[in-house]
Amino acid sequence: MSLQSALEQKLAKRYEPSSSVQDNFRGKDITFITNKAGDPVTLYIGKRNPDGSIMGERYARKIQYAPDENTVLKSHWDLKGKVQRG
């Protein structure tokens, strides 16, 4: 299952480096983790538990940077599987 283009656009932005961001997207809870450049690299999407964890799916992003390390040349999100925490 691939990500919706609107969600991919949201995740194409830069955020605070090395942080975890909690948000909502079209009725689903999302949490994503950013790398040292501020690009989201791990995404959890589903339903948030009372402890803040998410039951749903986990995606990981592969990024290829330009030599200046500020420009993203290629980016791809891979579904890594279901996430269940109790």
Protein backbone atom coordinates (compact mmCIF):
# COMPACT_ATOMS: atom_id res chain seq x y z
CA MET A 1 0.00 0.00 0.00
CA SER A 2 1.49 3.33 -1.02
CA LEU A 3 1.00 6.65 0.70
CA GLN A 4 -1.54 9.17 -0.57
CA SER A 5 0.01 11.99 -2.57
CA ALA A 6 -1.32 14.61 -0.11
CA LEU A 7 0.41 12.81 2.76
CA GLU A 8 3.62 12.49 0.74
CA GLN A 9 3.53 16.26 0.14
CA LYS A 10 3.15 16.88 3.88
CA LEU A 11 6.10 14.58 4.57
CA ALA A 12 8.25 16.23 1.88
CA LYS A 13 8.60 19.33 4.08
CA ARG A 14 11.44 19.82 6.53
CA TYR A 15 10.74 19.81 10.24
CA GLU A 16 12.82 20.16 13.40
CA PRO A 17 15.92 17.92 13.09
CA SER A 18 16.06 14.67 15.10
CA SER A 19 12.57 14.98 16.51
CA SER A 20 9.25 13.15 16.73
CA VAL A 21 6.15 14.94 15.40
CA GLN A 22 2.59 13.91 16.32
CA ASP A 23 -0.23 15.02 14.02
CA ASN A 24 -3.49 13.95 12.34
CA PHE A 25 -4.12 13.33 8.66
CA ARG A 26 -7.61 12.78 7.26
CA GLY A 27 -8.98 11.22 10.43
CA LYS A 28 -5.93 9.06 11.21
CA ASP A 29 -3.27 9.69 13.80
CA ILE A 30 0.30 9.97 12.53
CA THR A 31 3.70 10.19 14.16
CA PHE A 32 6.86 10.67 12.18
CA ILE A 33 10.50 10.79 13.16
CA THR A 34 12.95 13.13 11.44
CA ASN A 35 16.64 12.69 10.70
CA LYS A 36 19.44 15.18 11.44
CA ALA A 37 18.47 17.20 8.32
CA GLY A 38 14.83 17.46 9.44
CA ASP A 39 13.42 15.13 6.78
CA PRO A 40 10.81 12.60 7.98
CA VAL A 41 12.28 9.08 7.72
CA THR A 42 9.91 6.89 9.77
CA LEU A 43 6.12 7.16 9.75
CA TYR A 44 3.52 5.50 11.98
CA ILE A 45 -0.10 5.85 10.83
CA GLY A 46 -3.23 4.46 12.47
CA LYS A 47 -4.96 4.95 15.81
CA ARG A 48 -3.15 6.50 18.77
CA ASN A 49 -3.23 4.60 22.07
CA PRO A 50 -3.58 6.40 25.42
CA ASP A 51 0.19 6.03 25.97
CA GLY A 52 0.90 7.88 22.69
CA SER A 53 1.97 4.86 20.64
CA ILE A 54 0.18 4.05 17.38
CA MET A 55 -1.50 0.83 16.30
CA GLY A 56 -1.46 0.67 12.53
CA GLU A 57 1.27 0.66 9.91
CA ARG A 58 4.94 1.64 9.84
CA TYR A 59 6.68 3.13 6.81
CA ALA A 60 10.37 3.84 6.30
CA ARG A 61 11.79 6.38 3.84
CA LYS A 62 14.85 5.97 1.65
CA ILE A 63 16.41 9.30 0.68
CA GLN A 64 19.13 10.08 -1.83
CA TYR A 65 20.72 13.50 -1.31
CA ALA A 66 22.63 15.72 -3.71
CA PRO A 67 26.36 16.22 -2.95
CA ASP A 68 25.53 19.39 -0.96
CA GLU A 69 23.47 17.18 1.42
CA ASN A 70 20.66 19.78 1.53
CA THR A 71 18.76 18.79 -1.60
CA VAL A 72 16.72 15.60 -1.88
CA LEU A 73 17.26 13.96 -5.29
CA LYS A 74 15.09 10.87 -4.76
CA SER A 75 12.76 9.74 -2.03
CA HIS A 76 10.68 6.58 -1.58
CA TRP A 77 8.45 5.32 1.25
CA ASP A 78 8.34 1.54 1.92
CA LEU A 79 5.64 -0.19 3.98
CA LYS A 80 7.41 -2.17 6.69
CA GLY A 81 4.37 -3.82 8.26
CA LYS A 82 1.80 -3.63 11.01
CA VAL A 83 2.51 -2.12 14.40
CA GLN A 84 0.64 -3.32 17.48
CA ARG A 85 1.37 -2.20 20.98
CA GLY A 86 -0.70 -2.97 23.99
